[in-house]
N, C-alpha and C. Protein backbone atom coordinates (compact mmCIF):
# COMPACT_ATOMS: atom_id res chain seq x y z
N MET A 1 -12.40 7.43 -13.82
CA MET A 1 -11.16 7.49 -13.42
C MET A 1 -10.79 5.70 -13.16
N LYS A 2 -9.24 5.13 -13.07
CA LYS A 2 -9.03 4.32 -12.67
C LYS A 2 -8.08 4.49 -11.29
N LEU A 3 -9.05 2.94 -10.97
CA LEU A 3 -8.06 2.45 -9.22
C LEU A 3 -7.67 1.10 -9.83
N LEU A 4 -6.52 1.77 -8.87
CA LEU A 4 -5.96 0.55 -8.14
C LEU A 4 -5.85 -0.53 -6.57
N HIS A 5 -5.94 -1.79 -7.05
CA HIS A 5 -6.58 -2.16 -5.48
C HIS A 5 -5.34 -3.51 -5.30
N LEU A 6 -5.06 -3.00 -4.33
CA LEU A 6 -3.42 -3.83 -4.22
C LEU A 6 -3.83 -4.86 -3.03
N THR A 7 -4.00 -5.89 -2.64
CA THR A 7 -3.83 -6.81 -1.10
C THR A 7 -2.44 -7.71 -0.98
N PHE A 8 -2.67 -7.61 1.06
CA PHE A 8 -1.14 -7.83 0.91
C PHE A 8 -1.40 -9.37 2.13
N SER A 9 -2.46 -10.04 1.49
CA SER A 9 -2.72 -11.31 3.35
C SER A 9 -2.39 -11.86 2.77
N PRO A 10 -1.79 -12.94 3.50
CA PRO A 10 -1.40 -14.68 2.57
C PRO A 10 -3.15 -15.88 2.77
N ARG A 11 -3.93 -15.30 3.22
CA ARG A 11 -5.14 -15.18 3.68
C ARG A 11 -5.55 -15.10 2.33
N GLY A 12 -5.56 -14.45 2.10
CA GLY A 12 -6.69 -13.57 0.21
C GLY A 12 -7.77 -13.65 1.12
N GLU A 13 -8.68 -13.55 0.40
CA GLU A 13 -10.35 -13.36 0.36
C GLU A 13 -10.59 -13.51 1.76
N GLU A 14 -10.23 -14.58 2.48
CA GLU A 14 -10.51 -14.01 3.76
C GLU A 14 -10.76 -13.99 5.00
N SER A 15 -9.31 -12.96 4.65
CA SER A 15 -8.51 -12.03 5.45
C SER A 15 -9.26 -10.95 6.04
N GLU A 16 -9.52 -10.45 6.56
CA GLU A 16 -10.04 -9.18 7.87
C GLU A 16 -9.61 -8.20 6.69
N SER A 17 -8.00 -8.10 6.09
CA SER A 17 -7.85 -6.86 4.88
C SER A 17 -8.11 -6.35 4.12
N THR A 18 -8.20 -7.93 3.48
CA THR A 18 -8.40 -8.09 1.87
C THR A 18 -10.68 -8.01 2.53
N ARG A 19 -11.13 -8.12 2.76
CA ARG A 19 -12.62 -7.81 3.08
C ARG A 19 -12.81 -5.98 3.20
N LEU A 20 -11.97 -5.40 4.14
CA LEU A 20 -12.32 -3.95 4.33
C LEU A 20 -11.42 -3.21 2.87
N SER A 21 -10.55 -3.71 2.67
CA SER A 21 -10.42 -2.93 1.26
C SER A 21 -11.66 -3.03 0.52
N GLN A 22 -12.01 -3.93 0.12
CA GLN A 22 -12.74 -4.31 -0.51
C GLN A 22 -14.29 -3.55 -0.86
N ALA A 23 -14.53 -3.08 0.81
CA ALA A 23 -15.64 -2.44 1.32
C ALA A 23 -15.21 -1.05 0.46
N ILE A 24 -13.83 -0.79 0.86
CA ILE A 24 -13.69 0.73 0.98
C ILE A 24 -13.92 0.81 -1.29
N VAL A 25 -13.54 -0.59 -1.86
CA VAL A 25 -13.71 -0.30 -3.47
C VAL A 25 -14.95 0.11 -3.43
N ASP A 26 -15.73 -0.73 -3.28
CA ASP A 26 -17.63 -1.00 -3.05
C ASP A 26 -17.87 0.84 -2.74
N ARG A 27 -17.25 1.35 -2.10
CA ARG A 27 -18.01 2.48 -1.26
C ARG A 27 -17.09 3.80 -2.38
N LEU A 28 -16.38 3.54 -3.05
CA LEU A 28 -15.41 4.41 -4.16
C LEU A 28 -16.46 4.29 -5.42
N CYS A 29 -16.28 3.27 -5.53
CA CYS A 29 -17.11 2.45 -7.07
C CYS A 29 -18.97 3.39 -6.76
N SER A 30 -19.25 3.51 -5.42
CA SER A 30 -20.62 3.69 -5.57
C SER A 30 -20.57 5.49 -5.86
N GLN A 31 -19.21 6.00 -5.57
CA GLN A 31 -19.55 7.53 -5.19
C GLN A 31 -18.95 7.96 -6.66
N HIS A 32 -18.14 7.01 -7.52
CA HIS A 32 -17.53 7.50 -8.53
C HIS A 32 -17.42 6.87 -9.98
N SER A 33 -17.46 7.55 -11.06
CA SER A 33 -17.33 6.99 -12.26
C SER A 33 -16.27 6.21 -12.16
N ILE A 34 -16.02 4.92 -12.09
CA ILE A 34 -14.81 4.28 -11.99
C ILE A 34 -14.73 3.47 -13.37
N SER A 35 -13.41 4.04 -14.36
CA SER A 35 -13.66 3.22 -15.77
C SER A 35 -12.45 1.61 -15.90
N SER A 36 -12.64 1.31 -14.64
CA SER A 36 -10.96 0.28 -15.05
C SER A 36 -10.61 0.02 -13.44
N ILE A 37 -10.89 -1.26 -12.93
CA ILE A 37 -9.93 -1.72 -11.34
C ILE A 37 -8.97 -2.74 -12.34
N VAL A 38 -7.53 -2.20 -11.77
CA VAL A 38 -6.32 -3.54 -11.69
C VAL A 38 -6.52 -3.83 -10.25
N ARG A 39 -6.86 -5.25 -9.92
CA ARG A 39 -6.52 -5.46 -8.63
C ARG A 39 -4.85 -6.40 -9.34
N ARG A 40 -4.88 -6.65 -7.56
CA ARG A 40 -3.51 -7.07 -7.41
C ARG A 40 -2.73 -8.19 -6.31
N ASP A 41 -2.88 -9.33 -6.55
CA ASP A 41 -3.37 -9.85 -5.41
C ASP A 41 -1.73 -10.50 -4.76
N TRP A 42 -1.23 -10.43 -4.31
CA TRP A 42 0.10 -10.55 -3.60
C TRP A 42 0.74 -11.67 -2.86
N ARG A 43 -0.49 -12.54 -2.86
CA ARG A 43 -0.19 -14.12 -2.62
C ARG A 43 0.11 -14.93 -3.86
N LEU A 44 -0.39 -13.82 -4.98
CA LEU A 44 -0.34 -14.52 -6.35
C LEU A 44 0.81 -13.82 -7.46
N HIS A 45 1.07 -12.92 -6.85
CA HIS A 45 2.15 -11.92 -7.45
C HIS A 45 3.91 -11.32 -6.76
N ALA A 46 3.55 -11.39 -6.06
CA ALA A 46 5.11 -11.39 -5.20
C ALA A 46 6.03 -11.94 -6.04
N SER A 47 6.92 -11.31 -5.88
CA SER A 47 8.06 -11.69 -6.13
C SER A 47 9.01 -12.15 -4.61
N SER A 48 9.87 -12.82 -4.80
CA SER A 48 10.97 -13.62 -3.52
C SER A 48 11.39 -13.00 -3.57
N ALA A 49 11.72 -12.21 -4.43
CA ALA A 49 13.79 -11.67 -3.49
C ALA A 49 13.78 -11.15 -4.85
N ILE A 50 14.34 -9.42 -4.06
CA ILE A 50 14.89 -8.23 -4.90
C ILE A 50 16.12 -9.10 -6.13
N ASP A 51 16.58 -8.95 -7.50
CA ASP A 51 17.81 -9.77 -7.51
C ASP A 51 18.88 -8.32 -8.05
N ALA A 52 20.33 -9.01 -8.10
CA ALA A 52 21.28 -8.69 -8.35
C ALA A 52 20.87 -7.52 -8.75
N ASP A 53 20.40 -7.54 -10.55
CA ASP A 53 20.14 -6.00 -11.20
C ASP A 53 20.00 -4.93 -10.63
N TYR A 54 18.97 -5.88 -10.20
CA TYR A 54 17.97 -4.16 -9.09
C TYR A 54 18.71 -3.63 -8.21
N ALA A 55 18.97 -4.67 -7.44
CA ALA A 55 20.00 -4.00 -6.41
C ALA A 55 21.53 -2.88 -6.55
N ASN A 56 21.93 -3.56 -8.15
CA ASN A 56 23.30 -3.07 -8.59
C ASN A 56 22.67 -1.51 -8.77
N ALA A 57 21.43 -1.90 -9.83
CA ALA A 57 21.00 -0.39 -9.59
C ALA A 57 20.85 0.86 -8.81
N LEU A 58 20.82 0.38 -7.65
CA LEU A 58 20.35 1.15 -6.89
C LEU A 58 21.45 1.91 -6.35
N ALA A 59 22.48 0.70 -6.10
CA ALA A 59 23.46 0.71 -5.39
C ALA A 59 24.66 2.09 -6.63
N ASN A 60 24.24 2.09 -7.79
CA ASN A 60 24.71 2.93 -8.38
C ASN A 60 24.54 3.69 -8.74
N ALA A 61 23.57 3.91 -8.39
CA ALA A 61 22.14 5.36 -9.61
C ALA A 61 23.22 6.34 -8.95
N ALA A 62 23.47 7.05 -9.26
CA ALA A 62 24.89 8.53 -9.15
C ALA A 62 25.72 8.77 -10.16
N ARG A 63 26.12 6.99 -10.57
CA ARG A 63 26.66 6.69 -11.82
C ARG A 63 25.70 6.44 -13.28
N ASN A 64 24.79 6.55 -13.06
CA ASN A 64 23.57 6.01 -13.83
C ASN A 64 23.16 4.81 -14.40
N TYR A 65 24.26 4.02 -13.42
CA TYR A 65 24.35 2.20 -13.96
C TYR A 65 23.63 1.55 -14.39
N ALA A 66 22.10 2.11 -14.21
CA ALA A 66 20.60 1.45 -14.70
C ALA A 66 20.69 1.23 -16.31
N ASP A 67 20.80 2.28 -16.41
CA ASP A 67 21.51 3.34 -17.76
C ASP A 67 21.69 1.46 -18.87
N THR A 68 22.20 1.19 -18.06
CA THR A 68 23.18 -0.07 -19.16
C THR A 68 22.69 -0.77 -19.00
N LEU A 69 21.63 -1.49 -17.96
CA LEU A 69 21.01 -2.70 -17.67
C LEU A 69 19.91 -2.52 -18.46
N SER A 70 19.67 -4.01 -19.13
CA SER A 70 18.17 -4.64 -19.49
C SER A 70 17.71 -4.51 -18.31
N TYR A 71 15.93 -3.45 -18.57
CA TYR A 71 15.20 -4.25 -17.48
C TYR A 71 14.70 -5.34 -17.65
N GLU A 72 14.87 -6.18 -16.76
CA GLU A 72 14.36 -7.78 -17.22
C GLU A 72 14.34 -8.18 -15.46
N GLY A 73 13.96 -9.13 -15.35
CA GLY A 73 13.64 -9.54 -13.59
C GLY A 73 12.77 -7.89 -12.98
N SER A 74 13.45 -8.23 -11.66
CA SER A 74 13.37 -6.79 -10.47
C SER A 74 13.12 -5.56 -11.20
N LEU A 75 14.17 -5.61 -12.14
CA LEU A 75 13.89 -4.07 -12.72
C LEU A 75 12.97 -3.96 -13.89
N GLU A 76 12.32 -5.45 -14.39
CA GLU A 76 11.28 -4.68 -15.36
C GLU A 76 9.95 -4.98 -14.58
N GLN A 77 9.96 -5.83 -13.09
CA GLN A 77 8.88 -5.47 -12.15
C GLN A 77 8.48 -4.50 -11.92
N SER A 78 9.24 -3.67 -11.28
CA SER A 78 9.36 -2.66 -10.37
C SER A 78 9.07 -1.07 -11.49
N GLU A 79 9.48 -1.07 -12.61
CA GLU A 79 8.31 -0.41 -14.04
C GLU A 79 7.30 -0.61 -13.48
N ARG A 80 7.23 -1.74 -14.12
CA ARG A 80 5.90 -1.96 -14.18
C ARG A 80 4.05 -1.77 -13.11
N LEU A 81 4.88 -2.24 -11.65
CA LEU A 81 4.48 -1.52 -11.00
C LEU A 81 4.14 0.14 -10.44
N ILE A 82 5.27 0.65 -10.89
CA ILE A 82 5.43 2.41 -10.72
C ILE A 82 4.78 2.64 -11.90
N CYS A 83 4.54 2.15 -13.22
CA CYS A 83 3.45 3.01 -14.03
C CYS A 83 2.14 2.46 -13.52
N GLU A 84 2.05 1.49 -12.92
CA GLU A 84 0.10 1.09 -12.25
C GLU A 84 0.10 2.01 -11.21
N LEU A 85 1.08 2.58 -10.20
CA LEU A 85 0.49 3.98 -9.87
C LEU A 85 0.71 4.77 -9.99
N GLU A 86 0.95 5.10 -11.22
CA GLU A 86 1.40 6.28 -11.94
C GLU A 86 0.17 6.43 -13.18
N GLU A 87 -0.44 5.73 -13.50
CA GLU A 87 -2.31 5.30 -14.37
C GLU A 87 -2.64 5.36 -13.57
N ALA A 88 -2.86 5.01 -11.97
CA ALA A 88 -4.28 5.11 -11.02
C ALA A 88 -4.33 6.57 -10.86
N ASP A 89 -5.74 6.41 -10.71
CA ASP A 89 -6.03 8.00 -10.09
C ASP A 89 -6.37 7.95 -9.04
N MET A 90 -6.51 6.29 -8.05
CA MET A 90 -6.59 6.90 -6.37
C MET A 90 -6.28 4.76 -6.16
N VAL A 91 -5.63 4.80 -5.33
CA VAL A 91 -5.19 3.03 -4.68
C VAL A 91 -5.48 2.96 -3.82
N VAL A 92 -6.15 1.97 -2.77
CA VAL A 92 -7.00 0.71 -2.41
C VAL A 92 -5.75 0.22 -2.29
N ILE A 93 -5.50 -0.19 -0.52
CA ILE A 93 -4.19 -0.89 0.01
C ILE A 93 -5.24 -2.22 0.90
N GLY A 94 -4.96 -3.27 1.13
CA GLY A 94 -5.61 -3.81 2.54
C GLY A 94 -4.39 -4.85 2.33
N THR A 95 -4.33 -4.52 3.79
CA THR A 95 -2.52 -5.05 4.52
C THR A 95 -2.60 -5.36 6.04
N PRO A 96 -2.82 -6.64 6.31
CA PRO A 96 -2.40 -7.07 7.55
C PRO A 96 -1.25 -6.30 8.61
N MET A 97 -2.10 -6.40 9.69
CA MET A 97 0.24 -4.88 10.57
C MET A 97 0.56 -7.05 11.00
N HIS A 98 1.46 -7.12 10.66
CA HIS A 98 2.77 -8.70 11.34
C HIS A 98 3.64 -8.70 12.28
N ASN A 99 3.49 -8.22 13.67
CA ASN A 99 4.72 -7.28 14.95
C ASN A 99 5.26 -6.28 14.33
N PHE A 100 3.47 -5.76 14.31
CA PHE A 100 3.33 -3.95 14.74
C PHE A 100 4.06 -3.78 13.30
N THR A 101 4.41 -3.90 12.48
CA THR A 101 4.88 -3.40 10.95
C THR A 101 3.60 -3.97 10.06
N VAL A 102 4.49 -3.92 8.88
CA VAL A 102 4.31 -4.39 7.50
C VAL A 102 4.62 -5.54 6.42
N PRO A 103 3.86 -6.51 7.02
CA PRO A 103 3.97 -7.85 6.06
C PRO A 103 4.85 -7.98 5.03
N ALA A 104 6.34 -8.72 5.20
CA ALA A 104 6.92 -9.36 3.76
C ALA A 104 6.27 -8.58 2.49
N SER A 105 5.08 -8.63 1.94
CA SER A 105 5.03 -8.95 0.57
C SER A 105 4.67 -7.76 0.29
N LEU A 106 4.05 -7.08 0.91
CA LEU A 106 4.17 -5.08 0.94
C LEU A 106 5.21 -4.58 1.04
N LYS A 107 6.68 -5.19 2.18
CA LYS A 107 7.51 -4.50 2.19
C LYS A 107 8.79 -5.02 0.61
N THR A 108 8.11 -6.24 0.19
CA THR A 108 8.39 -6.17 -1.44
C THR A 108 7.85 -5.30 -2.41
N TRP A 109 7.29 -4.97 -2.37
CA TRP A 109 6.24 -4.30 -2.67
C TRP A 109 6.42 -2.47 -3.00
N ILE A 110 7.05 -2.45 -2.07
CA ILE A 110 7.54 -1.12 -1.47
C ILE A 110 9.02 -0.83 -1.93
N ASP A 111 9.71 -1.65 -1.19
CA ASP A 111 10.79 -1.74 -2.53
C ASP A 111 11.40 -1.62 -3.66
N LEU A 112 10.20 -2.43 -4.55
CA LEU A 112 10.08 -2.61 -6.13
C LEU A 112 9.42 -1.23 -6.87
N VAL A 113 8.56 -0.13 -5.95
CA VAL A 113 8.26 0.72 -5.78
C VAL A 113 8.61 2.08 -5.48
N VAL A 114 9.38 2.06 -4.98
CA VAL A 114 10.44 2.64 -4.21
C VAL A 114 11.90 3.16 -4.90
N ARG A 115 12.00 3.65 -6.09
CA ARG A 115 13.06 3.39 -6.89
C ARG A 115 14.00 4.22 -7.12
N VAL A 116 14.99 5.30 -7.03
CA VAL A 116 15.92 6.09 -7.17
C VAL A 116 16.06 6.04 -8.34
N ASN A 117 15.99 7.67 -8.59
CA ASN A 117 15.78 7.90 -10.32
C ASN A 117 14.56 7.76 -11.27
N ARG A 118 13.21 6.95 -10.27
CA ARG A 118 12.40 7.02 -11.00
C ARG A 118 11.21 7.31 -10.63
N SER A 119 11.62 6.93 -9.71
CA SER A 119 10.19 7.04 -9.25
C SER A 119 9.74 8.50 -7.73
N PHE A 120 11.62 8.89 -7.33
CA PHE A 120 12.38 9.75 -6.44
C PHE A 120 13.32 9.85 -6.70
N ASN A 121 13.61 10.96 -6.83
CA ASN A 121 14.92 12.08 -6.76
C ASN A 121 15.50 12.56 -6.02
N ILE A 122 16.40 12.43 -5.83
CA ILE A 122 17.17 13.34 -4.83
C ILE A 122 17.90 14.09 -5.29
N THR A 123 17.27 15.36 -4.20
CA THR A 123 18.03 16.61 -4.86
C THR A 123 18.61 17.66 -3.29
N PRO A 124 19.27 18.73 -3.84
CA PRO A 124 19.69 19.34 -2.82
C PRO A 124 18.51 19.17 -1.14
N ALA A 125 17.37 19.33 -1.35
CA ALA A 125 16.64 19.39 -0.39
C ALA A 125 16.00 18.41 0.62
N GLY A 126 15.84 17.15 -0.40
CA GLY A 126 16.32 15.75 0.14
C GLY A 126 15.45 14.82 -0.73
N LYS A 127 14.76 13.90 -0.87
CA LYS A 127 13.68 13.36 -0.99
C LYS A 127 12.86 13.55 -1.93
N VAL A 128 12.32 14.03 -3.19
CA VAL A 128 11.08 14.33 -3.60
C VAL A 128 10.75 13.20 -4.60
N GLY A 129 9.99 13.42 -4.53
CA GLY A 129 9.39 11.91 -5.29
C GLY A 129 8.50 12.77 -6.52
N THR A 130 8.10 11.60 -7.63
CA THR A 130 7.64 11.83 -8.75
C THR A 130 6.44 11.72 -9.19
N LEU A 131 5.81 11.10 -8.24
CA LEU A 131 4.85 10.48 -8.45
C LEU A 131 3.30 11.69 -8.38
N ASP A 132 2.93 12.30 -9.07
CA ASP A 132 1.40 12.80 -8.57
C ASP A 132 0.30 12.76 -7.65
N SER A 133 -0.16 13.56 -7.34
CA SER A 133 -0.90 12.68 -5.61
C SER A 133 -2.03 12.99 -5.69
N LYS A 134 -1.86 11.86 -5.40
CA LYS A 134 -3.21 10.56 -5.64
C LYS A 134 -3.58 10.39 -3.80
N PRO A 135 -5.37 10.16 -3.82
CA PRO A 135 -5.93 9.63 -2.44
C PRO A 135 -5.40 8.35 -2.85
N VAL A 136 -5.04 7.48 -1.17
CA VAL A 136 -4.50 6.14 -1.15
C VAL A 136 -5.13 6.32 0.18
N TYR A 137 -5.76 5.02 -0.05
CA TYR A 137 -6.73 4.28 0.95
C TYR A 137 -6.24 3.51 1.90
N ILE A 138 -5.91 2.72 2.97
CA ILE A 138 -5.49 1.72 3.04
C ILE A 138 -6.06 0.59 4.19
N ALA A 139 -6.42 -0.38 4.22
CA ALA A 139 -6.94 -0.69 5.05
C ALA A 139 -6.07 -1.54 5.83
N ILE A 140 -6.01 -1.94 6.99
CA ILE A 140 -5.10 -2.34 8.06
C ILE A 140 -6.34 -3.41 9.18
N ALA A 141 -5.97 -4.82 8.77
CA ALA A 141 -6.05 -5.52 10.16
C ALA A 141 -5.28 -5.79 11.09
N SER A 142 -5.37 -5.33 12.02
CA SER A 142 -4.55 -6.88 13.38
C SER A 142 -5.24 -7.71 14.73
N GLY A 143 -4.13 -7.51 15.13
CA GLY A 143 -5.28 -8.94 16.08
C GLY A 143 -5.49 -8.56 17.19
N GLY A 144 -4.79 -7.70 17.74
CA GLY A 144 -4.88 -7.37 19.01
C GLY A 144 -5.22 -5.13 18.32
N PHE A 145 -5.19 -4.21 19.39
CA PHE A 145 -5.85 -2.72 18.95
C PHE A 145 -4.24 -1.63 18.72
N PHE A 146 -4.22 -1.08 18.00
CA PHE A 146 -3.42 -0.04 19.00
C PHE A 146 -4.00 1.15 18.56
N GLY A 147 -2.99 2.13 18.25
CA GLY A 147 -3.10 3.43 18.01
C GLY A 147 -4.47 4.58 19.31
N SER A 148 -4.40 4.11 20.07
CA SER A 148 -4.85 4.56 21.43
C SER A 148 -4.18 4.74 22.11
N GLU A 149 -4.26 6.01 23.39
CA GLU A 149 -3.77 5.72 24.70
C GLU A 149 -4.16 4.79 25.58
N HIS A 150 -5.31 3.93 25.34
CA HIS A 150 -4.71 2.90 26.22
C HIS A 150 -4.53 1.60 25.71
N SER A 151 -4.20 1.38 24.10
CA SER A 151 -3.36 0.02 23.83
C SER A 151 -2.05 0.34 23.83
N ARG A 152 -1.59 -1.55 23.69
CA ARG A 152 -0.51 -1.08 24.28
C ARG A 152 0.51 -1.72 23.20
N GLN A 153 -0.26 -2.45 22.34
CA GLN A 153 0.08 -2.72 21.06
C GLN A 153 0.72 -1.71 20.17
N PRO A 154 2.01 -1.54 20.38
CA PRO A 154 3.13 -0.71 19.41
C PRO A 154 2.34 -0.83 17.33
N ASP A 155 2.83 0.67 16.86
CA ASP A 155 2.21 0.64 15.91
C ASP A 155 3.49 1.12 14.66
N PHE A 156 4.30 0.01 14.30
CA PHE A 156 4.71 0.41 13.58
C PHE A 156 5.15 0.83 11.77
N LEU A 157 3.26 0.40 11.91
CA LEU A 157 3.00 -0.02 10.40
C LEU A 157 2.55 1.93 9.49
N THR A 158 1.51 2.55 10.19
CA THR A 158 1.25 3.42 9.96
C THR A 158 2.01 4.48 9.33
N PRO A 159 3.15 5.20 11.16
CA PRO A 159 4.22 5.56 10.70
C PRO A 159 4.86 5.95 8.97
N TYR A 160 5.25 4.25 9.31
CA TYR A 160 6.64 3.78 8.52
C TYR A 160 5.47 4.37 6.68
N LEU A 161 4.42 3.55 6.67
CA LEU A 161 4.09 4.04 5.05
C LEU A 161 3.64 5.05 4.70
N LYS A 162 3.05 6.01 5.86
CA LYS A 162 2.94 7.18 5.38
C LYS A 162 4.84 8.41 5.51
N ALA A 163 5.21 7.97 5.74
CA ALA A 163 7.57 8.16 5.16
C ALA A 163 7.66 7.75 4.20
N ILE A 164 7.21 6.88 4.01
CA ILE A 164 7.36 5.92 2.91
C ILE A 164 6.57 6.11 1.37
N LEU A 165 5.18 6.36 1.00
CA LEU A 165 4.87 6.76 0.39
C LEU A 165 5.09 7.97 0.32
N ALA A 166 5.25 9.32 0.80
CA ALA A 166 5.76 10.33 0.59
C ALA A 166 7.10 10.69 0.59
N THR A 167 7.63 9.65 0.32
CA THR A 167 8.38 9.35 -0.36
C THR A 167 8.97 9.49 -1.39
N ILE A 168 7.95 8.88 -2.62
CA ILE A 168 7.99 8.82 -3.33
C ILE A 168 6.81 9.70 -4.40
N GLY A 169 5.36 10.13 -3.92
CA GLY A 169 5.44 12.18 -3.87
C GLY A 169 3.64 11.62 -3.55
N LEU A 170 3.36 10.19 -2.67
CA LEU A 170 1.61 9.92 -2.31
C LEU A 170 1.77 10.33 -0.45
N HIS A 171 0.85 11.58 -0.52
CA HIS A 171 1.52 12.18 0.86
C HIS A 171 -0.57 12.30 1.04
N ASP A 172 -1.49 12.20 0.26
CA ASP A 172 -3.04 11.57 0.80
C ASP A 172 -3.15 10.24 0.82
N LEU A 173 -3.06 9.82 2.17
CA LEU A 173 -3.39 8.82 2.61
C LEU A 173 -4.31 8.68 3.91
N ARG A 174 -5.64 7.09 3.15
CA ARG A 174 -7.01 7.32 4.33
C ARG A 174 -6.86 6.28 5.12
N PHE A 175 -6.90 6.51 6.37
CA PHE A 175 -5.82 5.01 6.96
C PHE A 175 -7.64 4.33 7.92
N PHE A 176 -8.07 2.83 7.54
CA PHE A 176 -8.98 2.91 7.93
C PHE A 176 -8.47 0.93 8.35
N SER A 177 -8.75 0.67 10.45
CA SER A 177 -8.61 -0.18 10.25
C SER A 177 -9.70 -1.01 10.39
N ALA A 178 -9.73 -2.82 11.04
CA ALA A 178 -10.54 -3.45 11.77
C ALA A 178 -9.55 -4.03 12.66
N GLN A 179 -9.54 -4.33 13.93
CA GLN A 179 -8.68 -4.35 15.23
C GLN A 179 -9.54 -5.77 15.92
N GLY A 180 -8.20 -6.09 16.38
CA GLY A 180 -9.39 -7.11 17.87
C GLY A 180 -9.38 -8.30 16.69
N MET A 181 -8.43 -8.64 16.11
CA MET A 181 -10.03 -9.61 15.45
C MET A 181 -9.24 -11.01 15.61
N ALA A 182 -7.90 -11.22 16.21
CA ALA A 182 -7.70 -13.10 16.37
C ALA A 182 -7.95 -12.94 18.51
N LEU A 183 -9.06 -11.88 18.68
CA LEU A 183 -10.17 -12.01 20.35
C LEU A 183 -10.79 -12.96 19.58
N ASP A 184 -11.79 -13.01 20.77
CA ASP A 184 -12.89 -13.97 20.57
C ASP A 184 -13.71 -13.45 19.92
N GLY A 185 -15.10 -14.19 19.35
CA GLY A 185 -15.81 -14.13 17.83
C GLY A 185 -16.56 -13.10 18.10
N ASP A 186 -16.91 -12.51 19.34
CA ASP A 186 -18.15 -11.16 19.57
C ASP A 186 -17.38 -9.52 19.19
N THR A 187 -15.73 -9.76 19.65
CA THR A 187 -14.93 -8.77 19.77
C THR A 187 -14.46 -8.80 17.87
N VAL A 188 -14.42 -10.21 17.45
CA VAL A 188 -14.32 -9.55 15.27
C VAL A 188 -15.42 -9.01 15.29
N LYS A 189 -16.69 -10.04 14.90
CA LYS A 189 -18.13 -9.13 14.79
C LYS A 189 -18.09 -7.80 14.75
N ALA A 190 -17.94 -7.67 16.30
CA ALA A 190 -17.67 -6.20 16.38
C ALA A 190 -17.01 -5.13 15.83
N GLY A 191 -15.49 -5.26 16.15
CA GLY A 191 -14.36 -4.47 15.11
C GLY A 191 -15.03 -4.53 13.76
N ARG A 192 -14.85 -5.58 13.27
CA ARG A 192 -15.47 -5.70 11.58
C ARG A 192 -17.00 -4.48 10.95
N LEU A 193 -17.84 -4.80 12.25
CA LEU A 193 -18.33 -3.65 11.98
C LEU A 193 -18.31 -2.39 12.29
N ALA A 194 -17.35 -2.44 12.93
CA ALA A 194 -17.49 -1.03 13.92
C ALA A 194 -16.22 -0.52 12.49
N ALA A 195 -15.41 -1.10 11.45
CA ALA A 195 -14.14 -0.96 10.29
C ALA A 195 -15.12 -0.75 9.22
N VAL A 196 -16.51 -1.66 9.26
CA VAL A 196 -17.50 -0.48 7.85
C VAL A 196 -17.56 -0.45 8.23
N ASN A 197 -18.83 0.84 9.39
CA ASN A 197 -19.42 1.62 9.80
C ASN A 197 -18.82 2.83 8.95
N ARG A 198 -17.03 2.65 9.60
CA ARG A 198 -15.94 3.74 9.72
C ARG A 198 -15.95 4.23 7.56
N VAL A 199 -15.60 2.55 7.08
CA VAL A 199 -15.57 2.77 5.79
C VAL A 199 -16.83 3.75 5.11
N THR A 200 -18.32 3.94 5.37
CA THR A 200 -19.20 3.41 4.95
C THR A 200 -20.23 5.25 5.22
N GLU A 201 -19.05 5.74 6.14
CA GLU A 201 -19.79 7.20 6.80
C GLU A 201 -17.66 7.98 6.26
N ASN A 202 -17.47 7.51 5.86
CA ASN A 202 -15.93 8.42 6.16
C ASN A 202 -15.25 8.23 4.50
N VAL A 203 -15.34 7.22 3.99
CA VAL A 203 -14.24 7.78 2.75
C VAL A 203 -15.16 8.54 1.67
N PHE A 204 -14.63 9.65 1.31
CA PHE A 204 -15.40 10.53 0.44
C PHE A 204 -13.39 10.70 -0.52
N MET A 205 -13.89 11.44 -1.42
CA MET A 205 -12.13 11.61 -2.46
C MET A 205 -12.44 13.33 -2.83
N SER A 206 -11.32 14.02 -2.42
CA SER A 206 -11.80 15.77 -2.83
C SER A 206 -12.05 15.09 -4.62
N ALA A 207 -12.16 16.17 -5.25
CA ALA A 207 -12.45 16.44 -7.00
C ALA A 207 -10.39 15.74 -6.85
N LEU A 208 -10.72 15.58 -8.54
CA LEU A 208 -9.23 15.23 -9.15
C LEU A 208 -8.63 16.32 -9.99
């Protein structure tokens, strides 16, 4: 089995989302025969912007404009990232919540992998993803608390990821979160421990 591990925090190894996602990777490795792990740290690999050729390919998708382009720049990067998703048997994503939603680095990755006529097609029934189904484990770290009736913090991250990843065929999403990570030390320790315990108790994968 091949595992793709994507992290999106500018804090790298020091971030709570990276640590939690690594706990998920470790748990999966203890349960399954993982032949290879591809790690992509978007502090190091994120593209600064979508270039003009990529934007033109999307804007003119109905005219097969992309067929006339050389696959360089953002198009080349997009193809490589989509291939990584296609080749993986499981995916682990570690991301902070920034301003109630995904950070800029994760949005850049999304814009590169969600590509018309490649990772999804437009049909009379709507957009249909081309990727095979596979489990996607998503580790989220947030400074406050979200997702409960007692939380006042909006959550636009999880519904957005559910919608956008489903567009390319990824429907099996499994969320884990470390919350309250910007609060006092005791709260951080308790939130970190609770998150790791949920990983230990709940990370599993149905037979592929």
